[in-house]
Amino acid sequence: SAPHPARVHSPDEAALSEDFWWVDTPAKSTL
């Protein structure tokens, strides 16, 4: 997939493929 503009990575996410990403809002984070 194309890079997601809201993608936020942490060091622990390094091994997950780029098809996974976190979206952070003030109320929650969604994988």
All heavy atoms as atom14 arrays in JSON, in Angstrom:
{
  "sequence": "SAPHPARVHSPDEAALSEDFWWVDTPAKSTL",
  "atom14_mask": [
    [1, 1, 1, 1, 1, 1, 0, 0, 0, 0, 0, 0, 0, 0],
    [1, 1, 1, 1, 1, 0, 0, 0, 0, 0, 0, 0, 0, 0],
    [1, 1, 1, 1, 1, 1, 1, 0, 0, 0, 0, 0, 0, 0],
    [1, 1, 1, 1, 1, 1, 1, 1, 1, 1, 0, 0, 0, 0],
    [1, 1, 1, 1, 1, 1, 1, 0, 0, 0, 0, 0, 0, 0],
    [1, 1, 1, 1, 1, 0, 0, 0, 0, 0, 0, 0, 0, 0],
    [1, 1, 1, 1, 1, 1, 1, 1, 1, 1, 1, 0, 0, 0],
    [1, 1, 1, 1, 1, 1, 1, 0, 0, 0, 0, 0, 0, 0],
    [1, 1, 1, 1, 1, 1, 1, 1, 1, 1, 0, 0, 0, 0],
    [1, 1, 1, 1, 1, 1, 0, 0, 0, 0, 0, 0, 0, 0],
    [1, 1, 1, 1, 1, 1, 1, 0, 0, 0, 0, 0, 0, 0],
    [1, 1, 1, 1, 1, 1, 1, 1, 0, 0, 0, 0, 0, 0],
    [1, 1, 1, 1, 1, 1, 1, 1, 1, 0, 0, 0, 0, 0],
    [1, 1, 1, 1, 1, 0, 0, 0, 0, 0, 0, 0, 0, 0],
    [1, 1, 1, 1, 1, 0, 0, 0, 0, 0, 0, 0, 0, 0],
    [1, 1, 1, 1, 1, 1, 1, 1, 0, 0, 0, 0, 0, 0],
    [1, 1, 1, 1, 1, 1, 0, 0, 0, 0, 0, 0, 0, 0],
    [1, 1, 1, 1, 1, 1, 1, 1, 1, 0, 0, 0, 0, 0],
    [1, 1, 1, 1, 1, 1, 1, 1, 0, 0, 0, 0, 0, 0],
    [1, 1, 1, 1, 1, 1, 1, 1, 1, 1, 1, 0, 0, 0],
    [1, 1, 1, 1, 1, 1, 1, 1, 1, 1, 1, 1, 1, 1],
    [1, 1, 1, 1, 1, 1, 1, 1, 1, 1, 1, 1, 1, 1],
    [1, 1, 1, 1, 1, 1, 1, 0, 0, 0, 0, 0, 0, 0],
    [1, 1, 1, 1, 1, 1, 1, 1, 0, 0, 0, 0, 0, 0],
    [1, 1, 1, 1, 1, 1, 1, 0, 0, 0, 0, 0, 0, 0],
    [1, 1, 1, 1, 1, 1, 1, 0, 0, 0, 0, 0, 0, 0],
    [1, 1, 1, 1, 1, 0, 0, 0, 0, 0, 0, 0, 0, 0],
    [1, 1, 1, 1, 1, 1, 1, 1, 1, 0, 0, 0, 0, 0],
    [1, 1, 1, 1, 1, 1, 0, 0, 0, 0, 0, 0, 0, 0],
    [1, 1, 1, 1, 1, 1, 1, 0, 0, 0, 0, 0, 0, 0],
    [1, 1, 1, 1, 1, 1, 1, 1, 0, 0, 0, 0, 0, 0]
  ],
  "atom14_positions": [
    [[0.83, -1.19, 0.0], [0.0, 0.0, 0.0], [0.87, 1.25, 0.0], [2.03, 1.23, 0.38], [-0.93, 0.0, 1.21], [-0.16, 0.13, 2.38], [0.0, 0.0, 0.0], [0.0, 0.0, 0.0], [0.0, 0.0, 0.0], [0.0, 0.0, 0.0], [0.0, 0.0, 0.0], [0.0, 0.0, 0.0], [0.0, 0.0, 0.0], [0.0, 0.0, 0.0]],
    [[0.27, 2.35, -0.41], [0.97, 3.64, -0.39], [1.13, 4.09, 1.06], [0.31, 3.75, 1.91], [0.17, 4.66, -1.19], [0.0, 0.0, 0.0], [0.0, 0.0, 0.0], [0.0, 0.0, 0.0], [0.0, 0.0, 0.0], [0.0, 0.0, 0.0], [0.0, 0.0, 0.0], [0.0, 0.0, 0.0], [0.0, 0.0, 0.0], [0.0, 0.0, 0.0]],
    [[2.17, 4.86, 1.34], [2.35, 5.35, 2.71], [1.13, 6.15, 3.16], [0.56, 6.91, 2.4], [3.59, 6.24, 2.61], [4.3, 5.77, 1.4], [3.24, 5.28, 0.46], [0.0, 0.0, 0.0], [0.0, 0.0, 0.0], [0.0, 0.0, 0.0], [0.0, 0.0, 0.0], [0.0, 0.0, 0.0], [0.0, 0.0, 0.0], [0.0, 0.0, 0.0]],
    [[0.76, 5.96, 4.39], [-0.39, 6.65, 4.97], [0.1, 7.94, 5.6], [1.07, 7.94, 6.35], [-1.04, 5.74, 6.02], [-2.36, 6.22, 6.47], [-2.49, 7.22, 7.39], [-3.61, 5.87, 6.12], [-3.76, 7.46, 7.6], [-4.46, 6.66, 6.84], [0.0, 0.0, 0.0], [0.0, 0.0, 0.0], [0.0, 0.0, 0.0], [0.0, 0.0, 0.0]],
    [[-0.55, 9.08, 5.32], [-0.04, 10.35, 5.84], [-0.05, 10.47, 7.36], [0.74, 11.21, 7.91], [-0.98, 11.39, 5.21], [-2.18, 10.64, 4.78], [-1.73, 9.23, 4.52], [0.0, 0.0, 0.0], [0.0, 0.0, 0.0], [0.0, 0.0, 0.0], [0.0, 0.0, 0.0], [0.0, 0.0, 0.0], [0.0, 0.0, 0.0], [0.0, 0.0, 0.0]],
    [[-0.93, 9.75, 8.05], [-1.01, 9.84, 9.51], [-0.18, 8.77, 10.19], [-0.28, 8.58, 11.38], [-2.47, 9.75, 9.96], [0.0, 0.0, 0.0], [0.0, 0.0, 0.0], [0.0, 0.0, 0.0], [0.0, 0.0, 0.0], [0.0, 0.0, 0.0], [0.0, 0.0, 0.0], [0.0, 0.0, 0.0], [0.0, 0.0, 0.0], [0.0, 0.0, 0.0]],
    [[0.64, 8.06, 9.44], [1.4, 6.94, 9.98], [2.4, 7.42, 11.04], [3.13, 8.37, 10.81], [2.13, 6.25, 8.85], [2.82, 4.98, 9.29], [3.33, 4.23, 8.11], [2.17, 3.71, 7.41], [2.23, 3.01, 6.31], [3.39, 2.73, 5.78], [1.14, 2.58, 5.73], [0.0, 0.0, 0.0], [0.0, 0.0, 0.0], [0.0, 0.0, 0.0]],
    [[2.41, 6.75, 12.16], [3.35, 7.05, 13.23], [4.02, 5.74, 13.61], [3.34, 4.76, 13.9], [2.63, 7.64, 14.47], [3.62, 7.88, 15.59], [1.91, 8.92, 14.09], [0.0, 0.0, 0.0], [0.0, 0.0, 0.0], [0.0, 0.0, 0.0], [0.0, 0.0, 0.0], [0.0, 0.0, 0.0], [0.0, 0.0, 0.0], [0.0, 0.0, 0.0]],
    [[5.33, 5.7, 13.58], [6.05, 4.47, 13.91], [6.75, 4.59, 15.25], [7.16, 5.67, 15.65], [7.12, 4.18, 12.85], [6.56, 3.81, 11.53], [6.03, 2.58, 11.27], [6.44, 4.51, 10.38], [5.61, 2.54, 10.03], [5.85, 3.7, 9.46], [0.0, 0.0, 0.0], [0.0, 0.0, 0.0], [0.0, 0.0, 0.0], [0.0, 0.0, 0.0]],
    [[6.85, 3.48, 15.93], [7.67, 3.43, 17.14], [8.73, 2.37, 16.89], [8.59, 1.56, 15.98], [6.82, 3.06, 18.36], [6.5, 1.69, 18.33], [0.0, 0.0, 0.0], [0.0, 0.0, 0.0], [0.0, 0.0, 0.0], [0.0, 0.0, 0.0], [0.0, 0.0, 0.0], [0.0, 0.0, 0.0], [0.0, 0.0, 0.0], [0.0, 0.0, 0.0]],
    [[9.79, 2.33, 17.68], [10.83, 1.32, 17.48], [10.3, -0.11, 17.52], [10.8, -0.98, 16.84], [11.82, 1.58, 18.63], [11.57, 2.99, 19.02], [10.12, 3.26, 18.75], [0.0, 0.0, 0.0], [0.0, 0.0, 0.0], [0.0, 0.0, 0.0], [0.0, 0.0, 0.0], [0.0, 0.0, 0.0], [0.0, 0.0, 0.0], [0.0, 0.0, 0.0]],
    [[9.25, -0.35, 18.3], [8.72, -1.71, 18.41], [7.98, -2.16, 17.16], [7.71, -3.32, 16.99], [7.76, -1.81, 19.61], [8.5, -1.65, 20.92], [9.67, -2.07, 20.99], [7.92, -1.11, 21.86], [0.0, 0.0, 0.0], [0.0, 0.0, 0.0], [0.0, 0.0, 0.0], [0.0, 0.0, 0.0], [0.0, 0.0, 0.0], [0.0, 0.0, 0.0]],
    [[7.62, -1.23, 16.29], [6.86, -1.56, 15.11], [7.75, -1.95, 13.93], [7.25, -2.3, 12.88], [6.0, -0.37, 14.68], [4.96, 0.01, 15.68], [4.24, 1.26, 15.23], [3.7, 1.27, 14.12], [4.23, 2.22, 15.99], [0.0, 0.0, 0.0], [0.0, 0.0, 0.0], [0.0, 0.0, 0.0], [0.0, 0.0, 0.0], [0.0, 0.0, 0.0]],
    [[9.06, -1.89, 14.09], [9.98, -2.06, 12.98], [9.73, -3.33, 12.18], [9.86, -3.32, 10.96], [11.42, -2.02, 13.48], [0.0, 0.0, 0.0], [0.0, 0.0, 0.0], [0.0, 0.0, 0.0], [0.0, 0.0, 0.0], [0.0, 0.0, 0.0], [0.0, 0.0, 0.0], [0.0, 0.0, 0.0], [0.0, 0.0, 0.0], [0.0, 0.0, 0.0]],
    [[9.37, -4.44, 12.8], [9.23, -5.69, 12.08], [7.86, -5.86, 11.4], [7.71, -6.73, 10.57], [9.48, -6.87, 13.01], [0.0, 0.0, 0.0], [0.0, 0.0, 0.0], [0.0, 0.0, 0.0], [0.0, 0.0, 0.0], [0.0, 0.0, 0.0], [0.0, 0.0, 0.0], [0.0, 0.0, 0.0], [0.0, 0.0, 0.0], [0.0, 0.0, 0.0]],
    [[6.88, -5.04, 11.76], [5.59, -5.12, 11.08], [5.73, -4.48, 9.7], [6.45, -3.51, 9.52], [4.49, -4.41, 11.87], [4.06, -5.09, 13.17], [3.02, -4.22, 13.87], [3.51, -6.47, 12.92], [0.0, 0.0, 0.0], [0.0, 0.0, 0.0], [0.0, 0.0, 0.0], [0.0, 0.0, 0.0], [0.0, 0.0, 0.0], [0.0, 0.0, 0.0]],
    [[5.01, -5.02, 8.73], [5.09, -4.48, 7.38], [4.48, -3.09, 7.32], [3.79, -2.65, 8.23], [4.38, -5.41, 6.4], [2.98, -5.23, 6.48], [0.0, 0.0, 0.0], [0.0, 0.0, 0.0], [0.0, 0.0, 0.0], [0.0, 0.0, 0.0], [0.0, 0.0, 0.0], [0.0, 0.0, 0.0], [0.0, 0.0, 0.0], [0.0, 0.0, 0.0]],
    [[4.72, -2.4, 6.21], [4.18, -1.05, 6.06], [2.67, -1.06, 5.88], [2.05, 0.0, 5.83], [4.86, -0.32, 4.91], [4.61, -0.94, 3.56], [5.39, -0.23, 2.46], [6.54, 0.13, 2.7], [4.82, -0.05, 1.39], [0.0, 0.0, 0.0], [0.0, 0.0, 0.0], [0.0, 0.0, 0.0], [0.0, 0.0, 0.0], [0.0, 0.0, 0.0]],
    [[2.06, -2.24, 5.79], [0.6, -2.32, 5.72], [-0.05, -2.08, 7.08], [-1.26, -1.99, 7.19], [0.17, -3.69, 5.18], [0.55, -3.88, 3.72], [0.51, -2.88, 2.97], [0.91, -5.0, 3.34], [0.0, 0.0, 0.0], [0.0, 0.0, 0.0], [0.0, 0.0, 0.0], [0.0, 0.0, 0.0], [0.0, 0.0, 0.0], [0.0, 0.0, 0.0]],
    [[0.77, -2.0, 8.15], [0.3, -1.69, 9.49], [0.72, -0.28, 9.84], [1.85, 0.12, 9.55], [0.93, -2.63, 10.53], [0.43, -4.04, 10.47], [1.06, -4.97, 9.67], [-0.65, -4.44, 11.23], [0.62, -6.28, 9.62], [-1.11, -5.74, 11.18], [-0.48, -6.66, 10.37], [0.0, 0.0, 0.0], [0.0, 0.0, 0.0], [0.0, 0.0, 0.0]],
    [[-0.15, 0.47, 10.48], [0.22, 1.79, 10.98], [-0.73, 2.21, 12.09], [-1.83, 1.73, 12.21], [0.26, 2.83, 9.87], [-1.03, 3.14, 9.21], [-1.96, 4.07, 9.6], [-1.58, 2.52, 8.04], [-3.03, 4.06, 8.75], [-2.82, 3.11, 7.77], [-1.12, 1.51, 7.18], [-3.63, 2.74, 6.7], [-1.93, 1.14, 6.12], [-3.16, 1.76, 5.89]],
    [[-0.22, 3.14, 12.91], [-1.0, 3.71, 14.01], [-1.56, 5.05, 13.58], [-0.87, 5.85, 12.96], [-0.11, 3.93, 15.24], [0.25, 2.68, 15.95], [1.42, 1.99, 15.85], [-0.55, 1.97, 16.89], [1.39, 0.9, 16.66], [0.19, 0.86, 17.32], [-1.84, 2.17, 17.41], [-0.3, -0.05, 18.24], [-2.32, 1.26, 18.33], [-1.57, 0.16, 18.74]],
    [[-2.79, 5.31, 13.93], [-3.4, 6.62, 13.77], [-3.73, 7.12, 15.18], [-4.46, 6.45, 15.92], [-4.68, 6.55, 12.9], [-5.37, 7.9, 12.87], [-4.34, 6.08, 11.51], [0.0, 0.0, 0.0], [0.0, 0.0, 0.0], [0.0, 0.0, 0.0], [0.0, 0.0, 0.0], [0.0, 0.0, 0.0], [0.0, 0.0, 0.0], [0.0, 0.0, 0.0]],
    [[-3.15, 8.26, 15.53], [-3.33, 8.82, 16.87], [-4.28, 10.01, 16.81], [-4.14, 10.88, 15.94], [-1.99, 9.28, 17.44], [-1.07, 8.11, 17.72], [-1.51, 7.13, 18.34], [0.1, 8.19, 17.32], [0.0, 0.0, 0.0], [0.0, 0.0, 0.0], [0.0, 0.0, 0.0], [0.0, 0.0, 0.0], [0.0, 0.0, 0.0], [0.0, 0.0, 0.0]],
    [[-5.25, 10.03, 17.71], [-6.13, 11.17, 17.92], [-6.03, 11.52, 19.4], [-5.45, 10.75, 20.18], [-7.6, 10.82, 17.56], [-8.09, 9.86, 18.5], [-7.72, 10.28, 16.14], [0.0, 0.0, 0.0], [0.0, 0.0, 0.0], [0.0, 0.0, 0.0], [0.0, 0.0, 0.0], [0.0, 0.0, 0.0], [0.0, 0.0, 0.0], [0.0, 0.0, 0.0]],
    [[-6.6, 12.64, 19.82], [-6.55, 12.96, 21.26], [-7.22, 11.9, 22.13], [-6.82, 11.7, 23.27], [-7.28, 14.31, 21.35], [-7.1, 14.91, 19.99], [-7.13, 13.75, 19.03], [0.0, 0.0, 0.0], [0.0, 0.0, 0.0], [0.0, 0.0, 0.0], [0.0, 0.0, 0.0], [0.0, 0.0, 0.0], [0.0, 0.0, 0.0], [0.0, 0.0, 0.0]],
    [[-8.23, 11.21, 21.61], [-8.99, 10.26, 22.42], [-8.41, 8.85, 22.41], [-8.6, 8.1, 23.36], [-10.44, 10.21, 21.94], [0.0, 0.0, 0.0], [0.0, 0.0, 0.0], [0.0, 0.0, 0.0], [0.0, 0.0, 0.0], [0.0, 0.0, 0.0], [0.0, 0.0, 0.0], [0.0, 0.0, 0.0], [0.0, 0.0, 0.0], [0.0, 0.0, 0.0]],
    [[-7.73, 8.45, 21.32], [-7.25, 7.07, 21.23], [-6.21, 6.92, 20.14], [-6.0, 7.82, 19.33], [-8.42, 6.11, 20.97], [-9.05, 6.27, 19.6], [-10.19, 5.29, 19.41], [-10.86, 5.51, 18.06], [-11.96, 4.58, 17.86], [0.0, 0.0, 0.0], [0.0, 0.0, 0.0], [0.0, 0.0, 0.0], [0.0, 0.0, 0.0], [0.0, 0.0, 0.0]],
    [[-5.57, 5.75, 20.13], [-4.68, 5.34, 19.05], [-5.28, 4.08, 18.45], [-5.77, 3.21, 19.18], [-3.29, 5.02, 19.58], [-2.67, 6.17, 20.08], [0.0, 0.0, 0.0], [0.0, 0.0, 0.0], [0.0, 0.0, 0.0], [0.0, 0.0, 0.0], [0.0, 0.0, 0.0], [0.0, 0.0, 0.0], [0.0, 0.0, 0.0], [0.0, 0.0, 0.0]],
    [[-5.25, 3.97, 17.13], [-5.8, 2.8, 16.45], [-4.74, 2.2, 15.55], [-4.14, 2.9, 14.74], [-7.04, 3.18, 15.62], [-8.03, 3.74, 16.48], [-7.63, 1.96, 14.91], [0.0, 0.0, 0.0], [0.0, 0.0, 0.0], [0.0, 0.0, 0.0], [0.0, 0.0, 0.0], [0.0, 0.0, 0.0], [0.0, 0.0, 0.0], [0.0, 0.0, 0.0]],
    [[-4.53, 0.89, 15.69], [-3.63, 0.16, 14.8], [-4.45, -0.33, 13.61], [-5.46, -1.03, 13.79], [-2.98, -1.02, 15.51], [-2.04, -1.88, 14.66], [-0.86, -1.05, 14.13], [-1.55, -3.08, 15.46], [0.0, 0.0, 0.0], [0.0, 0.0, 0.0], [0.0, 0.0, 0.0], [0.0, 0.0, 0.0], [0.0, 0.0, 0.0], [0.0, 0.0, 0.0]]
  ]
}
